[in-house]
């Protein structure tokens, strides 16, 4: 099976096995956002359980 490269760029696996994604609102219009909003969106969070099966199909080898 092939890995979908677009999904491999967007999602990473944590050591616990959770699929992690980066948060939104960092790409443009950063001057209008507060420092608190920028620092909170700089981290990663786990993907909702409803989407993990769909993403697992795109990453058969864990996003390598």
Protein backbone atom coordinates (compact mmCIF):
# COMPACT_ATOMS: atom_id res chain seq x y z
CA UNK A 1 0.00 0.00 0.00
CA UNK A 2 1.14 3.50 -0.72
CA UNK A 3 1.19 6.33 1.80
CA UNK A 4 -0.76 9.45 0.86
CA UNK A 5 1.94 12.09 0.98
CA UNK A 6 -0.48 14.93 1.67
CA UNK A 7 -1.65 13.13 4.81
CA UNK A 8 1.91 12.30 5.83
CA UNK A 9 2.77 16.01 5.78
CA UNK A 10 -0.23 16.97 7.91
CA UNK A 11 -0.40 14.19 10.51
CA UNK A 12 2.18 12.57 12.78
CA UNK A 13 1.95 9.68 15.22
CA UNK A 14 2.72 10.29 18.88
CA UNK A 15 4.60 7.77 21.01
CA UNK A 16 1.29 6.69 22.56
CA UNK A 17 -0.11 5.97 19.10
CA UNK A 18 -2.40 8.98 18.77
CA UNK A 19 -2.62 10.82 15.46
CA UNK A 20 -1.53 14.41 16.01
CA UNK A 21 -2.30 17.45 13.88
CA UNK A 22 -1.27 21.08 14.02
CA UNK A 23 -3.78 23.73 14.94
CA UNK A 24 -5.18 26.31 12.56
CA UNK A 25 -4.74 30.08 12.07
CA UNK A 26 -0.96 30.29 11.78
CA UNK A 27 -0.56 30.73 8.05
CA UNK A 28 -1.54 34.36 7.48
CA UNK A 29 -2.94 37.51 9.13
CA UNK A 30 -0.78 36.97 12.20
CA UNK A 31 -0.49 40.66 13.04
CA UNK A 32 -4.17 40.87 13.90
CA UNK A 33 -4.04 37.98 16.36
CA UNK A 34 -3.08 38.24 20.00
CA UNK A 35 0.09 36.68 21.40
CA UNK A 36 -2.05 34.32 23.47
CA UNK A 37 -3.92 33.08 20.42
CA UNK A 38 -0.70 32.58 18.47
CA UNK A 39 1.02 30.67 21.26
CA UNK A 40 -1.97 28.40 21.78
CA UNK A 41 -2.24 27.59 18.09
CA UNK A 42 1.47 26.83 17.86
CA UNK A 43 1.04 23.46 19.56
CA UNK A 44 -0.40 20.19 18.28
CA UNK A 45 -3.49 18.29 19.34
CA UNK A 46 -4.83 14.83 18.75
CA UNK A 47 -7.31 14.09 15.99
CA UNK A 48 -10.92 13.35 16.87
CA UNK A 49 -11.72 9.64 17.20
CA UNK A 50 -14.28 9.86 14.39
CA UNK A 51 -11.54 10.66 11.86
CA UNK A 52 -8.83 8.26 12.98
CA UNK A 53 -10.01 5.38 10.77
CA UNK A 54 -10.05 7.59 7.70
CA UNK A 55 -6.56 8.87 8.40
CA UNK A 56 -5.27 5.35 9.14
CA UNK A 57 -6.23 4.35 5.59
CA UNK A 58 -4.06 7.16 4.25
CA UNK A 59 -1.13 6.29 6.54
CA UNK A 60 -0.73 2.50 6.43
CA UNK A 61 2.82 2.65 7.86
CA UNK A 62 2.26 5.31 10.48
CA UNK A 63 3.12 8.39 8.45
CA UNK A 64 6.66 7.39 7.56
